[in-house]
N, C-alpha and C. Protein backbone atom coordinates (compact mmCIF):
# COMPACT_ATOMS: atom_id res chain seq x y z
N UNK A 1 0.76 -1.30 -0.60
CA UNK A 1 -0.07 0.04 -0.40
C UNK A 1 1.00 1.13 0.26
N UNK A 2 0.22 2.24 -0.78
CA UNK A 2 1.47 3.28 -0.49
C UNK A 2 -0.17 4.56 -0.40
N UNK A 3 1.23 4.95 0.61
CA UNK A 3 -0.10 6.59 1.52
C UNK A 3 0.83 7.65 1.06
N UNK A 4 0.28 8.54 0.56
CA UNK A 4 0.18 9.86 -0.02
C UNK A 4 0.13 11.41 0.28
N UNK A 5 0.68 12.15 0.65
CA UNK A 5 0.66 13.32 1.95
C UNK A 5 0.72 14.46 1.26
N UNK A 6 0.34 15.27 1.15
CA UNK A 6 1.07 16.82 1.22
C UNK A 6 0.89 17.81 2.43
N UNK A 7 1.21 17.75 3.50
CA UNK A 7 0.48 18.55 4.11
C UNK A 7 1.38 19.44 4.42
N UNK A 8 3.11 19.48 3.90
CA UNK A 8 4.02 20.89 3.66
C UNK A 8 3.28 21.52 2.92
N UNK A 9 3.25 20.82 1.46
CA UNK A 9 2.52 21.59 -0.10
C UNK A 9 1.17 22.34 0.54
N UNK A 10 -0.01 21.73 1.01
CA UNK A 10 -1.08 22.26 1.84
C UNK A 10 -0.61 23.79 2.84
N UNK A 11 0.31 23.62 3.87
CA UNK A 11 0.95 25.09 4.28
C UNK A 11 1.82 25.99 3.69
N UNK A 12 2.75 25.91 2.77
CA UNK A 12 3.10 26.44 1.52
C UNK A 12 1.97 27.44 1.29
N UNK A 13 0.99 26.69 0.49
CA UNK A 13 -0.30 27.55 -0.26
C UNK A 13 -1.27 28.33 0.49
N UNK A 14 -0.95 27.27 1.72
CA UNK A 14 -2.04 28.37 2.66
C UNK A 14 -1.47 30.12 3.16
N UNK A 15 -0.02 29.74 3.46
CA UNK A 15 1.03 31.15 3.50
C UNK A 15 0.78 31.42 2.53
N UNK A 16 1.01 31.52 1.76
CA UNK A 16 1.67 31.87 0.16
C UNK A 16 0.99 33.43 0.08
N UNK A 17 -0.82 32.54 0.26
CA UNK A 17 -2.22 33.58 0.28
C UNK A 17 -2.31 34.22 1.12
N UNK A 18 -2.19 34.00 2.49
CA UNK A 18 -2.61 34.78 3.41
C UNK A 18 -3.36 33.68 4.67
N UNK A 19 -3.93 32.72 4.52
CA UNK A 19 -4.81 31.93 4.62
C UNK A 19 -4.73 30.97 6.06
N UNK A 20 -3.36 31.44 6.38
CA UNK A 20 -2.95 29.79 7.19
C UNK A 20 -4.02 30.50 8.74
N UNK A 21 -4.53 31.28 8.97
CA UNK A 21 -5.35 31.45 10.23
C UNK A 21 -7.13 31.05 9.81
N UNK A 22 -7.32 30.60 8.88
CA UNK A 22 -8.97 30.32 8.53
C UNK A 22 -9.17 28.81 9.12
N UNK A 23 -10.17 28.40 9.21
CA UNK A 23 -10.51 27.51 9.65
C UNK A 23 -10.85 26.59 9.43
N UNK A 24 -10.33 25.40 9.96
CA UNK A 24 -10.69 24.28 8.79
C UNK A 24 -11.75 23.18 9.21
N UNK A 25 -12.63 22.31 8.24
CA UNK A 25 -13.39 22.18 7.80
C UNK A 25 -13.49 20.52 7.94
N UNK A 26 -13.91 19.57 8.81
CA UNK A 26 -13.87 18.30 8.41
C UNK A 26 -14.88 18.13 6.95
N UNK A 27 -15.65 18.92 6.49
CA UNK A 27 -16.28 18.13 4.81
C UNK A 27 -15.99 19.31 4.35
N UNK A 28 -15.59 19.13 3.04
CA UNK A 28 -14.91 20.85 2.22
C UNK A 28 -15.85 21.55 2.13
N UNK A 29 -17.24 21.19 1.39
CA UNK A 29 -18.33 21.90 1.37
C UNK A 29 -19.96 21.14 1.31
N UNK A 30 -20.93 21.73 0.59
CA UNK A 30 -22.17 21.87 0.78
C UNK A 30 -22.91 21.34 -0.51
N UNK A 31 -22.86 20.56 -0.81
CA UNK A 31 -23.47 20.42 -2.47
C UNK A 31 -24.45 21.46 -3.19
N UNK A 32 -25.34 21.88 -2.23
CA UNK A 32 -26.73 22.75 -2.40
C UNK A 32 -26.11 23.99 -2.08
N UNK A 33 -24.57 24.76 -1.82
CA UNK A 33 -24.64 26.20 -1.73
C UNK A 33 -24.19 26.16 -3.20
N UNK A 34 -24.59 27.49 -3.50
CA UNK A 34 -24.95 28.16 -4.85
C UNK A 34 -23.95 29.34 -4.96
N UNK A 35 -22.90 29.67 -5.04
CA UNK A 35 -22.11 30.48 -4.83
C UNK A 35 -22.41 31.57 -6.52
N UNK A 36 -22.56 33.00 -5.54
CA UNK A 36 -22.45 34.14 -6.59
C UNK A 36 -21.45 35.33 -6.35
N UNK A 37 -21.13 36.15 -7.69
CA UNK A 37 -19.70 36.93 -7.62
C UNK A 37 -20.85 38.23 -6.04
N UNK A 38 -20.10 38.82 -5.47
CA UNK A 38 -20.43 40.09 -4.81
C UNK A 38 -19.91 41.13 -5.25
N UNK A 39 -20.53 42.44 -6.23
CA UNK A 39 -19.81 43.37 -6.50
C UNK A 39 -19.82 44.37 -5.57
N UNK A 40 -21.30 43.89 -4.30
CA UNK A 40 -21.74 45.43 -3.87
C UNK A 40 -20.55 45.52 -2.51
N UNK A 41 -20.53 44.40 -1.79
CA UNK A 41 -19.10 44.47 -0.42
C UNK A 41 -17.78 43.52 -0.72
N UNK A 42 -17.21 44.46 -1.59
CA UNK A 42 -15.42 44.06 -2.11
C UNK A 42 -14.78 44.03 -0.57
N UNK A 43 -14.20 43.15 -0.37
CA UNK A 43 -12.92 42.91 0.65
C UNK A 43 -11.85 43.17 0.41
N UNK A 44 -10.78 44.06 1.21
CA UNK A 44 -9.87 44.61 0.96
C UNK A 44 -8.79 43.36 0.95
N UNK A 45 -8.90 42.33 1.60
CA UNK A 45 -8.16 40.89 2.23
C UNK A 45 -8.01 40.68 1.17
N UNK A 46 -9.45 40.17 0.27
CA UNK A 46 -9.18 39.45 -0.45
C UNK A 46 -9.10 39.63 -1.94
N UNK A 47 -8.80 40.88 -2.13
CA UNK A 47 -8.30 41.78 -3.49
C UNK A 47 -6.98 40.73 -3.69
N UNK A 48 -6.43 41.15 -2.62
CA UNK A 48 -4.75 41.28 -3.19
C UNK A 48 -4.60 39.08 -3.28
N UNK A 49 -5.48 38.37 -3.36
CA UNK A 49 -5.25 36.80 -3.62
C UNK A 49 -5.49 36.57 -5.43
N UNK A 50 -3.87 35.90 -6.00
CA UNK A 50 -4.35 36.19 -7.65
C UNK A 50 -5.82 34.91 -7.42
N UNK A 51 -6.54 35.13 -8.46
CA UNK A 51 -7.66 34.02 -8.19
C UNK A 51 -7.28 32.80 -8.84
N UNK A 52 -6.56 32.83 -10.26
CA UNK A 52 -6.19 31.84 -10.84
C UNK A 52 -4.88 31.24 -10.22
N UNK A 53 -3.80 31.79 -9.77
CA UNK A 53 -3.06 31.54 -9.43
C UNK A 53 -3.78 30.58 -7.65
N UNK A 54 -4.36 30.96 -6.81
CA UNK A 54 -4.83 30.50 -5.40
C UNK A 54 -6.21 28.51 -6.41
N UNK A 55 -6.61 29.33 -7.67
CA UNK A 55 -7.16 28.14 -8.02
C UNK A 55 -6.49 26.68 -8.55
N UNK A 56 -5.50 27.33 -9.51
CA UNK A 56 -4.30 26.37 -9.79
C UNK A 56 -4.24 25.53 -8.81
N UNK A 57 -2.95 25.94 -7.98
CA UNK A 57 -2.64 25.51 -6.86
C UNK A 57 -3.89 24.21 -6.16
N UNK A 58 -4.94 24.36 -5.52
CA UNK A 58 -5.74 23.84 -5.08
C UNK A 58 -6.01 23.26 -6.38
N UNK A 59 -5.81 22.44 -7.44
CA UNK A 59 -6.27 21.89 -8.54
C UNK A 59 -5.07 20.71 -8.39
N UNK A 60 -4.06 21.46 -8.11
CA UNK A 60 -3.10 20.69 -7.93
C UNK A 60 -3.42 19.40 -6.67
N UNK A 61 -3.13 19.55 -6.09
CA UNK A 61 -3.57 18.94 -4.81
C UNK A 61 -4.88 18.44 -5.14
N UNK A 62 -5.93 18.39 -5.33
CA UNK A 62 -6.79 18.10 -5.76
C UNK A 62 -6.97 16.34 -6.69
N UNK A 63 -5.78 16.71 -7.61
CA UNK A 63 -4.91 15.70 -8.42
C UNK A 63 -4.24 15.08 -8.19
N UNK A 64 -3.18 15.46 -7.21
CA UNK A 64 -2.56 14.29 -7.03
C UNK A 64 -2.92 13.54 -5.47
N UNK A 65 -3.42 14.46 -4.32
CA UNK A 65 -3.53 13.06 -3.26
C UNK A 65 -4.85 14.22 -2.65
N UNK A 66 -5.88 15.00 -3.08
CA UNK A 66 -6.84 14.98 -1.76
C UNK A 66 -8.34 15.01 -3.48
N UNK A 67 -8.67 13.99 -3.27
CA UNK A 67 -9.84 13.85 -4.45
C UNK A 67 -10.84 14.58 -3.75
N UNK A 68 -10.43 13.88 -2.72
CA UNK A 68 -12.36 14.41 -1.66
C UNK A 68 -12.31 16.06 -1.76
N UNK A 69 -11.46 17.10 -2.22
CA UNK A 69 -11.93 18.33 -2.08
C UNK A 69 -12.78 18.91 -4.41
N UNK A 70 -12.80 17.28 -4.85
CA UNK A 70 -13.47 17.62 -6.33
C UNK A 70 -14.26 18.41 -6.60
N UNK A 71 -15.02 18.35 -4.99
CA UNK A 71 -16.71 19.29 -5.49
C UNK A 71 -16.48 20.44 -5.17
N UNK A 72 -15.96 21.19 -4.35
CA UNK A 72 -15.94 22.00 -3.95
C UNK A 72 -15.25 22.68 -5.12
N UNK A 73 -13.60 22.16 -5.77
CA UNK A 73 -13.74 22.87 -6.96
C UNK A 73 -14.29 23.10 -8.05
N UNK A 74 -15.33 22.02 -8.34
CA UNK A 74 -15.62 22.31 -9.53
C UNK A 74 -16.82 23.50 -9.58
N UNK A 75 -17.25 23.91 -8.36
CA UNK A 75 -17.98 24.73 -8.36
C UNK A 75 -16.94 26.42 -8.30
N UNK A 76 -15.26 26.43 -7.61
CA UNK A 76 -15.24 27.21 -7.98
C UNK A 76 -14.56 27.78 -9.23
């Protein structure tokens, strides 16, 4: 049996995008949630995060060792 894990990569991605203090969740997402773009209340904290780069980092993680985050990634 081969066991793959990438905790250092996950920590590096969180630090890179300033999300190291975020709250973890046991379940990645609720499939009933519909995400909508919020044009009214733009948060200055999230404007500094390059969206494409963050999604690419999560896609790599999903494809290599974390297939459990596939459903939330489809929504993003």
